[in-house]
Amino acid sequence: MTDQKDSPETIVSAEVLADAEQTAARPTVLDQMGGPMGFVYSTVPVVVFVAANAFLSLPITVGISIAVGIALTVFRLIRGERFASAIGGLLGIAAAVGIVMVTGSAKDFFVIGIWAALAGFVVTFASVLARRPLTGVIWNAVHGGEFAWRADKVVLRVHDIATLAAAIVFGARFLVKEWLYLADSTTWLAVAKIAMGTPLTVLAALLVVWAFRRTTRRLVTQPVQ
């Protein structure tokens, strides 16, 4: 009788099953960005600020925003999140309301995000023009900087696509928010921040993950011919 234990079909099936289990256990892009709660953390301070500003004076609005930021930070620490991640959100809120207190304009709550989007667009788009797409530079740095990834046309192309996707996200955020900022529309700035925040980031991140995995398969795990 033929022993089926170590047959090629059995080995292949075992490998496929192992790959499937590994894929199922791997955290999704949304999970890596904090999951649904990450979206909540980025949305609540914005909603609270705009809602409070519609009915209360600016100093009271600022005070409420800081209080909400502190409450969210404490909640995240209780849930066991890393201190750096939890405190980062509070620092972002503090910086935003600090600018508001200096300028006396509620719309300046969003100015850091507007200029950060412009900076992100300039860096990512310039890296593509320089034929050193940023996602490829980051991938190579993570892998010790030892791969000639730009010499592989396929790898260079996928990183062009991923980096351009990031540039488009940054550019769209800047154009829309700057237009709303100049129109003095604080409420719509909040809407744009929420709508163009986590959802667009997830879409761009999916392309970045695709580029990273494609590059790893071609340069790291590709079998020797």
N, C-alpha and C. Protein backbone atom coordinates (compact mmCIF):
# COMPACT_ATOMS: atom_id res chain seq x y z
N MET A 1 0.84 -1.21 0.00
CA MET A 1 0.00 0.00 0.00
C MET A 1 0.87 1.25 0.00
N THR A 2 0.37 2.31 -0.64
CA THR A 2 1.11 3.56 -0.73
C THR A 2 0.86 4.39 0.51
N ASP A 3 1.93 4.81 1.12
CA ASP A 3 1.81 5.64 2.33
C ASP A 3 1.45 7.06 1.92
N GLN A 4 0.23 7.51 2.30
CA GLN A 4 -0.25 8.84 1.92
C GLN A 4 0.23 9.91 2.88
N LYS A 5 0.92 9.50 3.94
CA LYS A 5 1.27 10.47 4.98
C LYS A 5 2.16 11.58 4.46
N ASP A 6 3.16 11.20 3.63
CA ASP A 6 4.13 12.18 3.16
C ASP A 6 4.03 12.39 1.66
N SER A 7 2.85 12.15 1.08
CA SER A 7 2.68 12.35 -0.35
C SER A 7 2.73 13.84 -0.69
N PRO A 8 3.10 14.20 -1.94
CA PRO A 8 3.15 15.61 -2.33
C PRO A 8 1.83 16.33 -2.09
N GLU A 9 0.70 15.61 -2.35
CA GLU A 9 -0.60 16.26 -2.17
C GLU A 9 -0.84 16.61 -0.70
N THR A 10 -0.42 15.70 0.19
CA THR A 10 -0.60 15.95 1.62
C THR A 10 0.25 17.12 2.08
N ILE A 11 1.50 17.16 1.61
CA ILE A 11 2.41 18.24 1.99
C ILE A 11 1.87 19.58 1.52
N VAL A 12 1.42 19.64 0.25
CA VAL A 12 0.88 20.89 -0.30
C VAL A 12 -0.35 21.34 0.48
N SER A 13 -1.24 20.38 0.78
CA SER A 13 -2.45 20.72 1.53
C SER A 13 -2.10 21.28 2.91
N ALA A 14 -1.10 20.67 3.55
CA ALA A 14 -0.68 21.15 4.87
C ALA A 14 -0.13 22.56 4.78
N GLU A 15 0.65 22.84 3.73
CA GLU A 15 1.22 24.17 3.57
C GLU A 15 0.13 25.19 3.31
N VAL A 16 -0.84 24.84 2.47
CA VAL A 16 -1.94 25.76 2.18
C VAL A 16 -2.73 26.05 3.44
N LEU A 17 -3.00 25.00 4.24
CA LEU A 17 -3.75 25.19 5.48
C LEU A 17 -2.98 26.07 6.45
N ALA A 18 -1.67 25.87 6.52
CA ALA A 18 -0.85 26.69 7.42
C ALA A 18 -0.86 28.15 6.99
N ASP A 19 -0.77 28.38 5.66
CA ASP A 19 -0.81 29.76 5.16
C ASP A 19 -2.15 30.40 5.46
N ALA A 20 -3.23 29.63 5.31
CA ALA A 20 -4.57 30.16 5.57
C ALA A 20 -4.74 30.53 7.03
N GLU A 21 -4.23 29.65 7.92
CA GLU A 21 -4.34 29.94 9.35
C GLU A 21 -3.52 31.17 9.73
N GLN A 22 -2.34 31.30 9.11
CA GLN A 22 -1.50 32.46 9.40
C GLN A 22 -2.16 33.74 8.92
N THR A 23 -2.79 33.70 7.73
CA THR A 23 -3.48 34.87 7.19
C THR A 23 -4.65 35.25 8.07
N ALA A 24 -5.40 34.25 8.55
CA ALA A 24 -6.56 34.53 9.39
C ALA A 24 -6.15 35.14 10.71
N ALA A 25 -4.98 34.72 11.22
CA ALA A 25 -4.52 35.24 12.51
C ALA A 25 -3.87 36.60 12.39
N ARG A 26 -3.45 36.98 11.17
CA ARG A 26 -2.76 38.24 10.98
C ARG A 26 -3.73 39.40 11.18
N PRO A 27 -3.36 40.41 11.97
CA PRO A 27 -4.25 41.56 12.18
C PRO A 27 -4.47 42.34 10.89
N THR A 28 -5.68 42.85 10.71
CA THR A 28 -6.00 43.63 9.53
C THR A 28 -5.39 45.02 9.64
N VAL A 29 -5.45 45.75 8.52
CA VAL A 29 -4.93 47.12 8.53
C VAL A 29 -5.67 47.97 9.55
N LEU A 30 -6.99 47.80 9.62
CA LEU A 30 -7.78 48.57 10.59
C LEU A 30 -7.39 48.21 12.00
N ASP A 31 -7.12 46.91 12.24
CA ASP A 31 -6.68 46.50 13.58
C ASP A 31 -5.36 47.17 13.95
N GLN A 32 -4.44 47.24 13.00
CA GLN A 32 -3.14 47.84 13.26
C GLN A 32 -3.25 49.34 13.49
N MET A 33 -4.33 49.96 13.04
CA MET A 33 -4.54 51.39 13.25
C MET A 33 -5.40 51.67 14.47
N GLY A 34 -5.64 50.63 15.27
CA GLY A 34 -6.41 50.83 16.50
C GLY A 34 -7.81 50.29 16.44
N GLY A 35 -8.20 49.73 15.28
CA GLY A 35 -9.53 49.17 15.14
C GLY A 35 -10.61 50.25 15.19
N PRO A 36 -11.86 49.85 15.38
CA PRO A 36 -12.96 50.82 15.45
C PRO A 36 -12.74 51.86 16.54
N MET A 37 -12.11 51.48 17.65
CA MET A 37 -11.87 52.43 18.73
C MET A 37 -10.90 53.52 18.29
N GLY A 38 -9.97 53.19 17.41
CA GLY A 38 -9.06 54.21 16.89
C GLY A 38 -9.82 55.30 16.16
N PHE A 39 -10.84 54.89 15.42
CA PHE A 39 -11.69 55.85 14.72
C PHE A 39 -12.45 56.71 15.72
N VAL A 40 -12.92 56.09 16.79
CA VAL A 40 -13.65 56.82 17.84
C VAL A 40 -12.73 57.85 18.50
N TYR A 41 -11.51 57.45 18.83
CA TYR A 41 -10.57 58.35 19.49
C TYR A 41 -10.29 59.59 18.65
N SER A 42 -10.22 59.42 17.34
CA SER A 42 -9.93 60.56 16.47
C SER A 42 -11.16 61.41 16.18
N THR A 43 -12.35 60.82 16.36
CA THR A 43 -13.59 61.52 16.01
C THR A 43 -14.20 62.29 17.17
N VAL A 44 -14.20 61.69 18.35
CA VAL A 44 -14.87 62.30 19.51
C VAL A 44 -14.38 63.71 19.82
N PRO A 45 -13.06 63.97 19.89
CA PRO A 45 -12.62 65.33 20.21
C PRO A 45 -13.09 66.37 19.20
N VAL A 46 -13.13 65.98 17.93
CA VAL A 46 -13.57 66.91 16.89
C VAL A 46 -15.05 67.23 17.06
N VAL A 47 -15.87 66.20 17.25
CA VAL A 47 -17.31 66.40 17.41
C VAL A 47 -17.60 67.25 18.65
N VAL A 48 -16.91 66.94 19.74
CA VAL A 48 -17.12 67.68 20.99
C VAL A 48 -16.75 69.15 20.81
N PHE A 49 -15.62 69.42 20.17
CA PHE A 49 -15.19 70.80 19.99
C PHE A 49 -16.20 71.59 19.17
N VAL A 50 -16.62 71.04 18.04
CA VAL A 50 -17.55 71.76 17.16
C VAL A 50 -18.91 71.94 17.82
N ALA A 51 -19.40 70.89 18.49
CA ALA A 51 -20.70 70.97 19.16
C ALA A 51 -20.67 72.01 20.29
N ALA A 52 -19.61 72.00 21.09
CA ALA A 52 -19.51 72.95 22.19
C ALA A 52 -19.36 74.38 21.67
N ASN A 53 -18.60 74.54 20.59
CA ASN A 53 -18.38 75.87 20.03
C ASN A 53 -19.66 76.48 19.47
N ALA A 54 -20.61 75.63 19.09
CA ALA A 54 -21.86 76.13 18.53
C ALA A 54 -22.75 76.78 19.59
N PHE A 55 -22.53 76.44 20.87
CA PHE A 55 -23.42 76.93 21.92
C PHE A 55 -22.69 77.69 23.04
N LEU A 56 -21.39 77.51 23.14
CA LEU A 56 -20.65 78.07 24.27
C LEU A 56 -19.56 79.01 23.79
N SER A 57 -19.02 79.77 24.73
CA SER A 57 -17.92 80.67 24.39
C SER A 57 -16.66 79.87 24.10
N LEU A 58 -15.71 80.50 23.42
CA LEU A 58 -14.50 79.79 23.01
C LEU A 58 -13.69 79.27 24.20
N PRO A 59 -13.48 80.06 25.27
CA PRO A 59 -12.73 79.53 26.42
C PRO A 59 -13.37 78.29 27.04
N ILE A 60 -14.71 78.29 27.15
CA ILE A 60 -15.39 77.12 27.71
C ILE A 60 -15.27 75.93 26.77
N THR A 61 -15.37 76.21 25.48
CA THR A 61 -15.21 75.14 24.49
C THR A 61 -13.83 74.50 24.61
N VAL A 62 -12.81 75.33 24.76
CA VAL A 62 -11.44 74.83 24.91
C VAL A 62 -11.33 73.98 26.17
N GLY A 63 -11.91 74.46 27.27
CA GLY A 63 -11.86 73.70 28.52
C GLY A 63 -12.53 72.35 28.40
N ILE A 64 -13.69 72.31 27.75
CA ILE A 64 -14.39 71.04 27.55
C ILE A 64 -13.57 70.09 26.69
N SER A 65 -12.94 70.63 25.65
CA SER A 65 -12.13 69.80 24.75
C SER A 65 -10.95 69.17 25.49
N ILE A 66 -10.29 69.97 26.33
CA ILE A 66 -9.18 69.44 27.11
C ILE A 66 -9.66 68.36 28.08
N ALA A 67 -10.81 68.60 28.72
CA ALA A 67 -11.36 67.63 29.66
C ALA A 67 -11.68 66.31 28.96
N VAL A 68 -12.27 66.40 27.77
CA VAL A 68 -12.58 65.19 27.00
C VAL A 68 -11.29 64.48 26.60
N GLY A 69 -10.28 65.26 26.21
CA GLY A 69 -9.00 64.65 25.84
C GLY A 69 -8.37 63.90 27.00
N ILE A 70 -8.43 64.48 28.18
CA ILE A 70 -7.88 63.83 29.36
C ILE A 70 -8.67 62.55 29.68
N ALA A 71 -10.01 62.64 29.58
CA ALA A 71 -10.85 61.48 29.87
C ALA A 71 -10.55 60.33 28.90
N LEU A 72 -10.38 60.67 27.62
CA LEU A 72 -10.06 59.64 26.63
C LEU A 72 -8.69 59.02 26.92
N THR A 73 -7.74 59.84 27.32
CA THR A 73 -6.40 59.33 27.62
C THR A 73 -6.44 58.36 28.80
N VAL A 74 -7.16 58.74 29.85
CA VAL A 74 -7.29 57.87 31.02
C VAL A 74 -7.97 56.55 30.62
N PHE A 75 -9.02 56.65 29.81
CA PHE A 75 -9.74 55.46 29.36
C PHE A 75 -8.83 54.53 28.58
N ARG A 76 -8.00 55.10 27.70
CA ARG A 76 -7.10 54.28 26.89
C ARG A 76 -6.03 53.61 27.75
N LEU A 77 -5.55 54.33 28.76
CA LEU A 77 -4.55 53.74 29.65
C LEU A 77 -5.16 52.61 30.47
N ILE A 78 -6.40 52.79 30.91
CA ILE A 78 -7.09 51.74 31.67
C ILE A 78 -7.27 50.49 30.81
N ARG A 79 -7.52 50.70 29.52
CA ARG A 79 -7.69 49.57 28.60
C ARG A 79 -6.37 48.88 28.29
N GLY A 80 -5.27 49.43 28.78
CA GLY A 80 -3.98 48.78 28.59
C GLY A 80 -3.22 49.20 27.36
N GLU A 81 -3.60 50.33 26.74
CA GLU A 81 -2.87 50.79 25.57
C GLU A 81 -1.53 51.38 25.99
N ARG A 82 -0.62 51.43 25.03
CA ARG A 82 0.70 51.99 25.32
C ARG A 82 0.59 53.46 25.70
N PHE A 83 1.44 53.87 26.63
CA PHE A 83 1.39 55.24 27.14
C PHE A 83 1.62 56.24 26.01
N ALA A 84 2.59 55.94 25.12
CA ALA A 84 2.92 56.87 24.04
C ALA A 84 1.72 57.09 23.12
N SER A 85 0.99 56.01 22.82
CA SER A 85 -0.18 56.14 21.94
C SER A 85 -1.29 56.94 22.63
N ALA A 86 -1.52 56.64 23.89
CA ALA A 86 -2.60 57.32 24.61
C ALA A 86 -2.31 58.80 24.81
N ILE A 87 -1.08 59.12 25.20
CA ILE A 87 -0.73 60.52 25.46
C ILE A 87 -0.61 61.31 24.17
N GLY A 88 -0.32 60.62 23.06
CA GLY A 88 -0.18 61.31 21.78
C GLY A 88 -1.46 62.01 21.37
N GLY A 89 -2.61 61.35 21.60
CA GLY A 89 -3.88 61.97 21.27
C GLY A 89 -4.13 63.22 22.08
N LEU A 90 -3.78 63.17 23.37
CA LEU A 90 -3.98 64.32 24.25
C LEU A 90 -3.08 65.48 23.82
N LEU A 91 -1.85 65.18 23.46
CA LEU A 91 -0.94 66.23 23.02
C LEU A 91 -1.44 66.89 21.74
N GLY A 92 -2.03 66.08 20.84
CA GLY A 92 -2.59 66.64 19.62
C GLY A 92 -3.72 67.61 19.90
N ILE A 93 -4.61 67.22 20.82
CA ILE A 93 -5.72 68.09 21.20
C ILE A 93 -5.20 69.37 21.86
N ALA A 94 -4.21 69.21 22.74
CA ALA A 94 -3.65 70.37 23.43
C ALA A 94 -3.03 71.35 22.45
N ALA A 95 -2.31 70.83 21.45
CA ALA A 95 -1.70 71.71 20.45
C ALA A 95 -2.76 72.45 19.65
N ALA A 96 -3.83 71.73 19.27
CA ALA A 96 -4.89 72.35 18.47
C ALA A 96 -5.60 73.45 19.23
N VAL A 97 -5.99 73.18 20.48
CA VAL A 97 -6.70 74.20 21.25
C VAL A 97 -5.76 75.32 21.66
N GLY A 98 -4.46 75.02 21.77
CA GLY A 98 -3.49 76.07 22.07
C GLY A 98 -3.46 77.11 20.96
N ILE A 99 -3.47 76.64 19.72
CA ILE A 99 -3.50 77.56 18.58
C ILE A 99 -4.79 78.36 18.59
N VAL A 100 -5.90 77.70 18.91
CA VAL A 100 -7.19 78.39 18.97
C VAL A 100 -7.15 79.51 20.01
N MET A 101 -6.57 79.27 21.16
CA MET A 101 -6.50 80.28 22.21
C MET A 101 -5.63 81.47 21.77
N VAL A 102 -4.58 81.18 21.00
CA VAL A 102 -3.70 82.26 20.55
C VAL A 102 -4.38 83.11 19.48
N THR A 103 -5.05 82.46 18.53
CA THR A 103 -5.64 83.20 17.41
C THR A 103 -7.05 83.70 17.72
N GLY A 104 -7.75 83.01 18.65
CA GLY A 104 -9.12 83.39 18.96
C GLY A 104 -10.12 82.96 17.92
N SER A 105 -9.72 82.03 17.02
CA SER A 105 -10.60 81.57 15.95
C SER A 105 -10.80 80.06 16.05
N ALA A 106 -12.06 79.64 16.10
CA ALA A 106 -12.35 78.21 16.26
C ALA A 106 -11.86 77.38 15.09
N LYS A 107 -11.84 77.97 13.89
CA LYS A 107 -11.43 77.19 12.72
C LYS A 107 -9.97 76.78 12.80
N ASP A 108 -9.18 77.47 13.63
CA ASP A 108 -7.76 77.13 13.74
C ASP A 108 -7.53 75.84 14.51
N PHE A 109 -8.60 75.25 15.05
CA PHE A 109 -8.50 73.91 15.64
C PHE A 109 -8.02 72.90 14.60
N PHE A 110 -8.24 73.20 13.32
CA PHE A 110 -7.92 72.26 12.25
C PHE A 110 -6.66 72.64 11.48
N VAL A 111 -6.00 73.72 11.87
CA VAL A 111 -4.91 74.23 11.04
C VAL A 111 -3.70 73.29 11.04
N ILE A 112 -3.42 72.62 12.16
CA ILE A 112 -2.28 71.68 12.19
C ILE A 112 -2.49 70.56 11.17
N GLY A 113 -3.71 70.01 11.15
CA GLY A 113 -4.01 68.94 10.21
C GLY A 113 -3.90 69.40 8.76
N ILE A 114 -4.29 70.65 8.49
CA ILE A 114 -4.23 71.17 7.13
C ILE A 114 -2.79 71.25 6.64
N TRP A 115 -1.93 71.81 7.45
CA TRP A 115 -0.53 71.96 7.04
C TRP A 115 0.22 70.64 7.09
N ALA A 116 -0.19 69.74 7.97
CA ALA A 116 0.41 68.41 7.99
C ALA A 116 0.08 67.66 6.69
N ALA A 117 -1.14 67.86 6.20
CA ALA A 117 -1.54 67.23 4.93
C ALA A 117 -0.70 67.78 3.78
N LEU A 118 -0.47 69.09 3.78
CA LEU A 118 0.36 69.67 2.73
C LEU A 118 1.78 69.13 2.78
N ALA A 119 2.33 69.05 3.98
CA ALA A 119 3.69 68.52 4.14
C ALA A 119 3.76 67.07 3.67
N GLY A 120 2.74 66.27 4.03
CA GLY A 120 2.71 64.88 3.60
C GLY A 120 2.66 64.75 2.09
N PHE A 121 1.87 65.62 1.44
CA PHE A 121 1.78 65.59 -0.02
C PHE A 121 3.12 65.93 -0.66
N VAL A 122 3.76 66.98 -0.18
CA VAL A 122 5.03 67.41 -0.76
C VAL A 122 6.08 66.30 -0.64
N VAL A 123 6.17 65.69 0.53
CA VAL A 123 7.19 64.65 0.76
C VAL A 123 6.93 63.42 -0.11
N THR A 124 5.69 62.93 -0.11
CA THR A 124 5.39 61.70 -0.86
C THR A 124 5.49 61.92 -2.37
N PHE A 125 4.93 63.03 -2.86
CA PHE A 125 4.96 63.28 -4.31
C PHE A 125 6.38 63.56 -4.79
N ALA A 126 7.14 64.30 -4.00
CA ALA A 126 8.52 64.58 -4.38
C ALA A 126 9.35 63.30 -4.42
N SER A 127 9.06 62.36 -3.52
CA SER A 127 9.82 61.10 -3.51
C SER A 127 9.57 60.29 -4.78
N VAL A 128 8.35 60.37 -5.29
CA VAL A 128 8.04 59.67 -6.55
C VAL A 128 8.76 60.34 -7.71
N LEU A 129 8.75 61.68 -7.75
CA LEU A 129 9.45 62.40 -8.82
C LEU A 129 10.95 62.12 -8.79
N ALA A 130 11.49 61.92 -7.61
CA ALA A 130 12.92 61.63 -7.46
C ALA A 130 13.24 60.17 -7.72
N ARG A 131 12.24 59.36 -8.07
CA ARG A 131 12.38 57.93 -8.33
C ARG A 131 12.84 57.17 -7.09
N ARG A 132 12.46 57.69 -5.93
CA ARG A 132 12.69 57.01 -4.66
C ARG A 132 11.41 57.06 -3.84
N PRO A 133 10.36 56.36 -4.33
CA PRO A 133 9.07 56.41 -3.62
C PRO A 133 9.22 56.07 -2.15
N LEU A 134 8.58 56.86 -1.32
CA LEU A 134 8.80 56.79 0.12
C LEU A 134 8.50 55.42 0.71
N THR A 135 7.45 54.75 0.21
CA THR A 135 7.12 53.43 0.78
C THR A 135 8.24 52.43 0.52
N GLY A 136 8.90 52.55 -0.62
CA GLY A 136 10.03 51.67 -0.91
C GLY A 136 11.22 51.97 -0.02
N VAL A 137 11.47 53.24 0.22
CA VAL A 137 12.56 53.63 1.11
C VAL A 137 12.32 53.07 2.51
N ILE A 138 11.07 53.17 2.97
CA ILE A 138 10.73 52.66 4.30
C ILE A 138 10.87 51.14 4.35
N TRP A 139 10.37 50.45 3.30
CA TRP A 139 10.48 48.98 3.27
C TRP A 139 11.94 48.56 3.35
N ASN A 140 12.78 49.20 2.57
CA ASN A 140 14.19 48.83 2.55
C ASN A 140 14.86 49.11 3.90
N ALA A 141 14.48 50.21 4.54
CA ALA A 141 15.05 50.54 5.85
C ALA A 141 14.65 49.49 6.89
N VAL A 142 13.38 49.05 6.82
CA VAL A 142 12.91 48.03 7.75
C VAL A 142 13.68 46.72 7.55
N HIS A 143 14.10 46.46 6.32
CA HIS A 143 14.81 45.21 6.02
C HIS A 143 16.33 45.41 6.00
N GLY A 144 16.82 46.40 6.73
CA GLY A 144 18.25 46.56 6.89
C GLY A 144 18.95 47.37 5.81
N GLY A 145 18.18 47.87 4.83
CA GLY A 145 18.76 48.70 3.77
C GLY A 145 19.71 47.97 2.85
N GLU A 146 19.54 46.65 2.74
CA GLU A 146 20.51 45.84 1.99
C GLU A 146 20.02 45.38 0.63
N PHE A 147 18.82 45.80 0.23
CA PHE A 147 18.27 45.32 -1.03
C PHE A 147 18.31 46.41 -2.10
N ALA A 148 18.66 46.01 -3.31
CA ALA A 148 18.65 46.93 -4.45
C ALA A 148 17.25 46.97 -5.04
N TRP A 149 16.30 47.44 -4.24
CA TRP A 149 14.88 47.37 -4.62
C TRP A 149 14.54 48.24 -5.83
N ARG A 150 15.26 49.33 -6.02
CA ARG A 150 14.96 50.21 -7.15
C ARG A 150 15.39 49.61 -8.48
N ALA A 151 16.25 48.58 -8.44
CA ALA A 151 16.69 47.91 -9.67
C ALA A 151 15.63 46.97 -10.22
N ASP A 152 14.66 46.61 -9.38
CA ASP A 152 13.57 45.73 -9.81
C ASP A 152 12.41 46.60 -10.29
N LYS A 153 12.11 46.56 -11.58
CA LYS A 153 11.10 47.44 -12.16
C LYS A 153 9.71 47.20 -11.56
N VAL A 154 9.40 45.94 -11.29
CA VAL A 154 8.09 45.63 -10.71
C VAL A 154 7.98 46.22 -9.32
N VAL A 155 9.01 46.04 -8.52
CA VAL A 155 9.01 46.57 -7.15
C VAL A 155 8.93 48.09 -7.16
N LEU A 156 9.69 48.72 -8.03
CA LEU A 156 9.66 50.18 -8.12
C LEU A 156 8.27 50.67 -8.52
N ARG A 157 7.63 49.93 -9.42
CA ARG A 157 6.30 50.34 -9.89
C ARG A 157 5.26 50.24 -8.78
N VAL A 158 5.30 49.15 -8.01
CA VAL A 158 4.29 49.00 -6.96
C VAL A 158 4.48 50.06 -5.87
N HIS A 159 5.71 50.45 -5.62
CA HIS A 159 5.93 51.50 -4.63
C HIS A 159 5.58 52.88 -5.18
N ASP A 160 5.72 53.07 -6.49
CA ASP A 160 5.21 54.29 -7.11
C ASP A 160 3.70 54.41 -6.88
N ILE A 161 3.00 53.29 -7.08
CA ILE A 161 1.54 53.28 -6.93
C ILE A 161 1.16 53.55 -5.48
N ALA A 162 1.80 52.85 -4.54
CA ALA A 162 1.47 53.01 -3.12
C ALA A 162 1.77 54.41 -2.63
N THR A 163 2.92 54.95 -3.02
CA THR A 163 3.29 56.29 -2.57
C THR A 163 2.41 57.35 -3.22
N LEU A 164 2.05 57.16 -4.47
CA LEU A 164 1.14 58.11 -5.13
C LEU A 164 -0.24 58.08 -4.47
N ALA A 165 -0.67 56.90 -4.02
CA ALA A 165 -1.95 56.81 -3.31
C ALA A 165 -1.90 57.65 -2.04
N ALA A 166 -0.79 57.55 -1.31
CA ALA A 166 -0.63 58.37 -0.10
C ALA A 166 -0.61 59.85 -0.45
N ALA A 167 0.07 60.20 -1.54
CA ALA A 167 0.13 61.59 -1.97
C ALA A 167 -1.25 62.13 -2.33
N ILE A 168 -2.06 61.31 -3.00
CA ILE A 168 -3.40 61.72 -3.37
C ILE A 168 -4.25 61.97 -2.12
N VAL A 169 -4.13 61.09 -1.13
CA VAL A 169 -4.87 61.28 0.12
C VAL A 169 -4.47 62.58 0.80
N PHE A 170 -3.16 62.80 0.93
CA PHE A 170 -2.68 64.03 1.56
C PHE A 170 -3.13 65.26 0.77
N GLY A 171 -2.98 65.19 -0.55
CA GLY A 171 -3.34 66.33 -1.38
C GLY A 171 -4.82 66.66 -1.32
N ALA A 172 -5.66 65.61 -1.35
CA ALA A 172 -7.11 65.83 -1.27
C ALA A 172 -7.50 66.45 0.07
N ARG A 173 -6.89 65.96 1.13
CA ARG A 173 -7.18 66.53 2.46
C ARG A 173 -6.82 68.01 2.50
N PHE A 174 -5.64 68.34 1.98
CA PHE A 174 -5.23 69.74 2.03
C PHE A 174 -6.16 70.63 1.21
N LEU A 175 -6.46 70.23 -0.02
CA LEU A 175 -7.29 71.06 -0.88
C LEU A 175 -8.68 71.30 -0.30
N VAL A 176 -9.31 70.22 0.16
CA VAL A 176 -10.67 70.35 0.70
C VAL A 176 -10.68 71.16 1.99
N LYS A 177 -9.78 70.85 2.89
CA LYS A 177 -9.78 71.53 4.19
C LYS A 177 -9.34 72.98 4.06
N GLU A 178 -8.39 73.25 3.19
CA GLU A 178 -7.95 74.64 3.01
C GLU A 178 -9.08 75.48 2.42
N TRP A 179 -9.81 74.89 1.48
CA TRP A 179 -10.96 75.60 0.90
C TRP A 179 -12.01 75.90 1.97
N LEU A 180 -12.31 74.92 2.81
CA LEU A 180 -13.28 75.13 3.88
C LEU A 180 -12.75 76.11 4.94
N TYR A 181 -11.44 76.05 5.17
CA TYR A 181 -10.83 76.98 6.14
C TYR A 181 -10.97 78.41 5.65
N LEU A 182 -10.69 78.65 4.39
CA LEU A 182 -10.81 80.00 3.84
C LEU A 182 -12.26 80.45 3.78
N ALA A 183 -13.18 79.48 3.74
CA ALA A 183 -14.62 79.80 3.73
C ALA A 183 -15.18 79.97 5.14
N ASP A 184 -14.31 79.85 6.16
CA ASP A 184 -14.71 79.99 7.56
C ASP A 184 -15.82 79.02 7.96
N SER A 185 -15.74 77.79 7.45
CA SER A 185 -16.76 76.79 7.74
C SER A 185 -16.21 75.77 8.73
N THR A 186 -16.30 76.10 10.02
CA THR A 186 -15.75 75.22 11.06
C THR A 186 -16.48 73.88 11.10
N THR A 187 -17.80 73.91 10.95
CA THR A 187 -18.58 72.67 11.01
C THR A 187 -18.20 71.73 9.88
N TRP A 188 -18.09 72.26 8.66
CA TRP A 188 -17.74 71.42 7.53
C TRP A 188 -16.28 70.98 7.58
N LEU A 189 -15.44 71.76 8.24
CA LEU A 189 -14.07 71.31 8.47
C LEU A 189 -14.06 70.04 9.32
N ALA A 190 -14.94 70.01 10.33
CA ALA A 190 -15.05 68.83 11.17
C ALA A 190 -15.54 67.63 10.37
N VAL A 191 -16.53 67.87 9.51
CA VAL A 191 -17.06 66.79 8.67
C VAL A 191 -15.96 66.25 7.76
N ALA A 192 -15.22 67.17 7.15
CA ALA A 192 -14.14 66.75 6.24
C ALA A 192 -13.06 65.98 6.98
N LYS A 193 -12.72 66.43 8.17
CA LYS A 193 -11.68 65.75 8.96
C LYS A 193 -12.08 64.31 9.27
N ILE A 194 -13.35 64.12 9.63
CA ILE A 194 -13.83 62.77 9.96
C ILE A 194 -13.93 61.90 8.71
N ALA A 195 -14.55 62.46 7.66
CA ALA A 195 -14.78 61.68 6.44
C ALA A 195 -13.48 61.36 5.71
N MET A 196 -12.50 62.26 5.77
CA MET A 196 -11.25 62.06 5.04
C MET A 196 -10.13 61.57 5.96
N GLY A 197 -10.49 61.19 7.18
CA GLY A 197 -9.50 60.71 8.13
C GLY A 197 -9.25 59.23 8.02
N THR A 198 -9.79 58.47 8.96
CA THR A 198 -9.55 57.02 9.00
C THR A 198 -9.95 56.29 7.72
N PRO A 199 -11.13 56.57 7.11
CA PRO A 199 -11.49 55.82 5.89
C PRO A 199 -10.44 55.92 4.78
N LEU A 200 -9.97 57.14 4.47
CA LEU A 200 -8.97 57.29 3.41
C LEU A 200 -7.62 56.73 3.83
N THR A 201 -7.31 56.85 5.12
CA THR A 201 -6.05 56.29 5.60
C THR A 201 -6.02 54.78 5.44
N VAL A 202 -7.13 54.12 5.73
CA VAL A 202 -7.21 52.66 5.57
C VAL A 202 -7.02 52.27 4.11
N LEU A 203 -7.65 53.00 3.19
CA LEU A 203 -7.51 52.68 1.76
C LEU A 203 -6.06 52.82 1.32
N ALA A 204 -5.41 53.92 1.72
CA ALA A 204 -4.01 54.11 1.34
C ALA A 204 -3.13 53.04 2.00
N ALA A 205 -3.43 52.71 3.26
CA ALA A 205 -2.64 51.71 3.98
C ALA A 205 -2.74 50.34 3.33
N LEU A 206 -3.89 50.02 2.77
CA LEU A 206 -4.05 48.74 2.08
C LEU A 206 -3.09 48.64 0.89
N LEU A 207 -2.93 49.73 0.16
CA LEU A 207 -2.00 49.74 -0.96
C LEU A 207 -0.55 49.65 -0.48
N VAL A 208 -0.26 50.29 0.62
CA VAL A 208 1.10 50.23 1.18
C VAL A 208 1.41 48.80 1.63
N VAL A 209 0.47 48.15 2.30
CA VAL A 209 0.66 46.77 2.73
C VAL A 209 0.85 45.87 1.52
N TRP A 210 0.05 46.09 0.49
CA TRP A 210 0.19 45.31 -0.76
C TRP A 210 1.59 45.49 -1.34
N ALA A 211 2.08 46.71 -1.39
CA ALA A 211 3.41 46.98 -1.93
C ALA A 211 4.49 46.31 -1.09
N PHE A 212 4.34 46.37 0.23
CA PHE A 212 5.32 45.74 1.12
C PHE A 212 5.37 44.23 0.89
N ARG A 213 4.19 43.60 0.84
CA ARG A 213 4.14 42.14 0.67
C ARG A 213 4.66 41.72 -0.70
N ARG A 214 4.30 42.49 -1.73
CA ARG A 214 4.78 42.16 -3.08
C ARG A 214 6.31 42.26 -3.13
N THR A 215 6.85 43.29 -2.50
CA THR A 215 8.30 43.47 -2.48
C THR A 215 8.98 42.34 -1.71
N THR A 216 8.42 41.98 -0.58
CA THR A 216 9.01 40.90 0.22
C THR A 216 9.01 39.60 -0.55
N ARG A 217 7.91 39.31 -1.25
CA ARG A 217 7.86 38.06 -2.03
C ARG A 217 8.92 38.04 -3.13
N ARG A 218 9.14 39.17 -3.79
CA ARG A 218 10.08 39.21 -4.91
C ARG A 218 11.54 39.24 -4.45
N LEU A 219 11.81 39.95 -3.38
CA LEU A 219 13.21 40.18 -3.01
C LEU A 219 13.70 39.33 -1.82
N VAL A 220 12.78 38.88 -0.98
CA VAL A 220 13.18 38.17 0.23
C VAL A 220 12.85 36.69 0.17
N THR A 221 11.60 36.38 -0.17
CA THR A 221 11.16 34.99 -0.10
C THR A 221 11.07 34.30 -1.45
N GLN A 222 11.45 34.99 -2.52
CA GLN A 222 11.40 34.38 -3.84
C GLN A 222 12.39 33.23 -3.90
N PRO A 223 11.95 32.05 -4.33
CA PRO A 223 12.86 30.90 -4.36
C PRO A 223 13.98 31.10 -5.38
N VAL A 224 15.14 30.58 -5.04
CA VAL A 224 16.28 30.66 -5.94
C VAL A 224 16.06 29.75 -7.13
N GLN A 225 16.25 30.29 -8.33
CA GLN A 225 16.05 29.49 -9.55
C GLN A 225 17.29 28.64 -9.82
